[in-house]
Every structure is written in C-alpha cells, then in structure tokens.
Amino acid sequence: MSKRIDKVNQLIREHLAQIIREELSLKNTVLVTILKVDTSKDLRYATSFLSVYPINEKDYVLKTLKKEIGRIHKVLYKKLFMKSLPKIRFVIDENQEKVAEMEEIFEKIRNEKTDK
C-alpha cells in the first residue's frame, strides 16, 4: 500500500474516532473503537472496521452510524482537506467478536479449575 493511502487511512481513522466520540449521541454504556480504515486505491471508498463493547450493542451502533452518515461525512469533510472525500462504510470487525468469545471460554475454564 502506498504511503499516501496509509496516511489517508490514519487521518480518517483518527477523525472518525473523534467524530463518534464528540458529535454523536450514543448510549453512555457503549464503547466504539475504530480499529482500522481501509481506503480504496482510487480514494472513492473507505471501510471502517469497528469494535463495539458490549458486543450485543453492535446492531444499535451500526443503525445509529448509518442514520448519521450524512452528518459524519459533513464533519469529516471539514476536518480533511481533500478534493473528494471517500464514501465511508462501517463494518464490525468479526475478529474482535471471536476474541471475546474465546476469552469467555477461557474464563469458564479458569472458574471450573478453581471450583475443583
């Protein structure tokens, strides 16, 4: 990947995190982390990979982000000085969900060992 794309990815990730934290009204009990952003080579599209805690709130978060995408684009456009802004798409990083499941299994195993 080119240095330009890497820099765009990093800037979008940082600004999206700030926008989600400061501009959107998500539930106080929900934590959203932008893990990475992948921008297409032509800079037309950017996929933002999210981690949501608690994981059962992922549908709520995706629905809220989809509803607010116009406002997110508008704020992001003001922060980035780019000729054209990539169309942002949000997806839940499934790896994070699998890690959470594994941690839960390990915790059950630890608890079983201490009970014996």
Protein backbone atom coordinates (compact mmCIF):
# COMPACT_ATOMS: atom_id res chain seq x y z
CA MET A 1 0.00 0.00 0.00
CA SER A 2 1.24 3.49 -0.77
CA LYS A 3 2.29 5.96 1.87
CA ARG A 4 -0.47 8.29 0.69
CA ILE A 5 -3.19 5.68 1.27
CA ASP A 6 -1.67 4.82 4.66
CA LYS A 7 -1.75 8.47 5.68
CA VAL A 8 -5.35 8.89 4.45
CA ASN A 9 -6.36 5.76 6.38
CA GLN A 10 -4.77 7.06 9.57
CA LEU A 11 -6.32 10.53 9.24
CA ILE A 12 -9.77 9.15 8.55
CA ARG A 13 -9.47 6.74 11.49
CA GLU A 14 -8.42 9.50 13.89
CA HIS A 15 -11.10 11.92 12.76
CA LEU A 16 -13.87 9.30 12.70
CA ALA A 17 -12.99 8.30 16.26
CA GLN A 18 -13.20 11.94 17.33
CA ILE A 19 -16.50 12.47 15.50
CA ILE A 20 -18.07 9.38 17.03
CA ARG A 21 -16.85 10.37 20.49
CA GLU A 22 -17.79 14.07 20.34
CA GLU A 23 -20.53 14.54 17.74
CA LEU A 24 -22.78 11.50 18.10
CA SER A 25 -25.13 10.72 20.96
CA LEU A 26 -24.57 7.03 21.58
CA LYS A 27 -25.64 5.32 24.79
CA ASN A 28 -23.27 6.02 27.69
CA THR A 29 -22.78 2.28 28.20
CA VAL A 30 -21.50 1.69 24.64
CA LEU A 31 -17.84 1.90 23.65
CA VAL A 32 -16.96 2.12 19.96
CA THR A 33 -13.38 1.77 18.77
CA ILE A 34 -12.23 2.29 15.19
CA LEU A 35 -9.67 -0.45 14.71
CA LYS A 36 -8.59 0.40 11.19
CA VAL A 37 -9.68 2.06 7.97
CA ASP A 38 -9.08 0.61 4.51
CA THR A 39 -9.38 3.13 1.69
CA SER A 40 -9.61 2.06 -1.94
CA LYS A 41 -6.72 2.96 -4.23
CA ASP A 42 -8.87 5.49 -6.09
CA LEU A 43 -9.86 7.13 -2.75
CA ARG A 44 -13.56 6.71 -3.52
CA TYR A 45 -14.43 4.30 -0.70
CA ALA A 46 -13.23 3.71 2.85
CA THR A 47 -14.21 0.80 5.04
CA SER A 48 -14.00 1.48 8.76
CA PHE A 49 -13.64 -1.60 10.96
CA LEU A 50 -15.26 -1.19 14.37
CA SER A 51 -15.14 -2.88 17.71
CA VAL A 52 -18.22 -2.43 19.88
CA TYR A 53 -18.48 -3.13 23.58
CA PRO A 54 -20.71 -4.67 24.75
CA ILE A 55 -20.94 -6.75 21.60
CA ASN A 56 -24.72 -7.12 21.88
CA GLU A 57 -25.00 -3.40 21.03
CA LYS A 58 -23.39 -3.80 17.58
CA ASP A 59 -26.71 -3.59 15.71
CA TYR A 60 -27.64 -0.42 17.62
CA VAL A 61 -24.26 1.16 16.78
CA LEU A 62 -24.42 0.24 13.08
CA LYS A 63 -28.00 1.53 12.82
CA THR A 64 -27.04 4.82 14.51
CA LEU A 65 -23.96 5.28 12.30
CA LYS A 66 -25.99 4.55 9.17
CA LYS A 67 -28.60 7.10 10.25
CA GLU A 68 -25.92 9.72 10.97
CA ILE A 69 -23.67 9.05 7.96
CA GLY A 70 -24.59 12.34 6.28
CA ARG A 71 -23.58 14.34 9.34
CA ILE A 72 -20.43 12.24 9.77
CA HIS A 73 -19.40 12.92 6.16
CA LYS A 74 -20.07 16.63 6.57
CA VAL A 75 -17.94 16.95 9.72
CA LEU A 76 -15.21 14.74 8.25
CA TYR A 77 -15.12 16.82 5.07
CA LYS A 78 -14.50 19.96 7.15
CA LYS A 79 -11.63 18.28 9.01
CA LEU A 80 -9.89 16.74 5.99
CA PHE A 81 -8.65 18.92 3.20
CA MET A 82 -9.24 16.50 0.35
CA LYS A 83 -10.63 17.22 -3.08
CA SER A 84 -13.16 14.44 -2.71
CA LEU A 85 -13.95 12.52 0.44
CA PRO A 86 -14.18 8.72 0.31
CA LYS A 87 -17.62 7.25 0.93
CA ILE A 88 -17.42 5.76 4.43
CA ARG A 89 -18.77 2.31 5.21
CA PHE A 90 -18.85 0.88 8.73
CA VAL A 91 -18.43 -2.82 9.50
CA ILE A 92 -17.98 -4.73 12.72
CA ASP A 93 -14.60 -6.45 12.95
CA GLU A 94 -15.60 -10.09 13.39
CA ASN A 95 -12.17 -10.95 14.80
CA GLN A 96 -12.94 -8.90 17.91
CA GLU A 97 -16.15 -10.85 18.43
CA LYS A 98 -14.27 -14.16 18.16
CA VAL A 99 -11.64 -12.95 20.62
CA ALA A 100 -14.40 -12.04 23.09
CA GLU A 101 -15.92 -15.50 22.72
CA MET A 102 -12.54 -17.14 23.32
CA GLU A 103 -11.92 -15.01 26.40
CA GLU A 104 -15.31 -16.07 27.74
CA ILE A 105 -14.42 -19.74 27.20
CA PHE A 106 -11.05 -19.30 28.93
CA GLU A 107 -12.75 -17.59 31.86
CA LYS A 108 -15.17 -20.53 32.21
CA ILE A 109 -12.23 -22.95 32.17
CA ARG A 110 -10.41 -20.94 34.86
CA ASN A 111 -13.53 -20.87 37.00
CA GLU A 112 -14.00 -24.63 36.64
CA LYS A 113 -10.41 -25.24 37.75
CA THR A 114 -10.79 -23.07 40.86
CA ASP A 115 -14.07 -24.77 41.78
CA LYS A 116 -12.43 -28.22 41.91
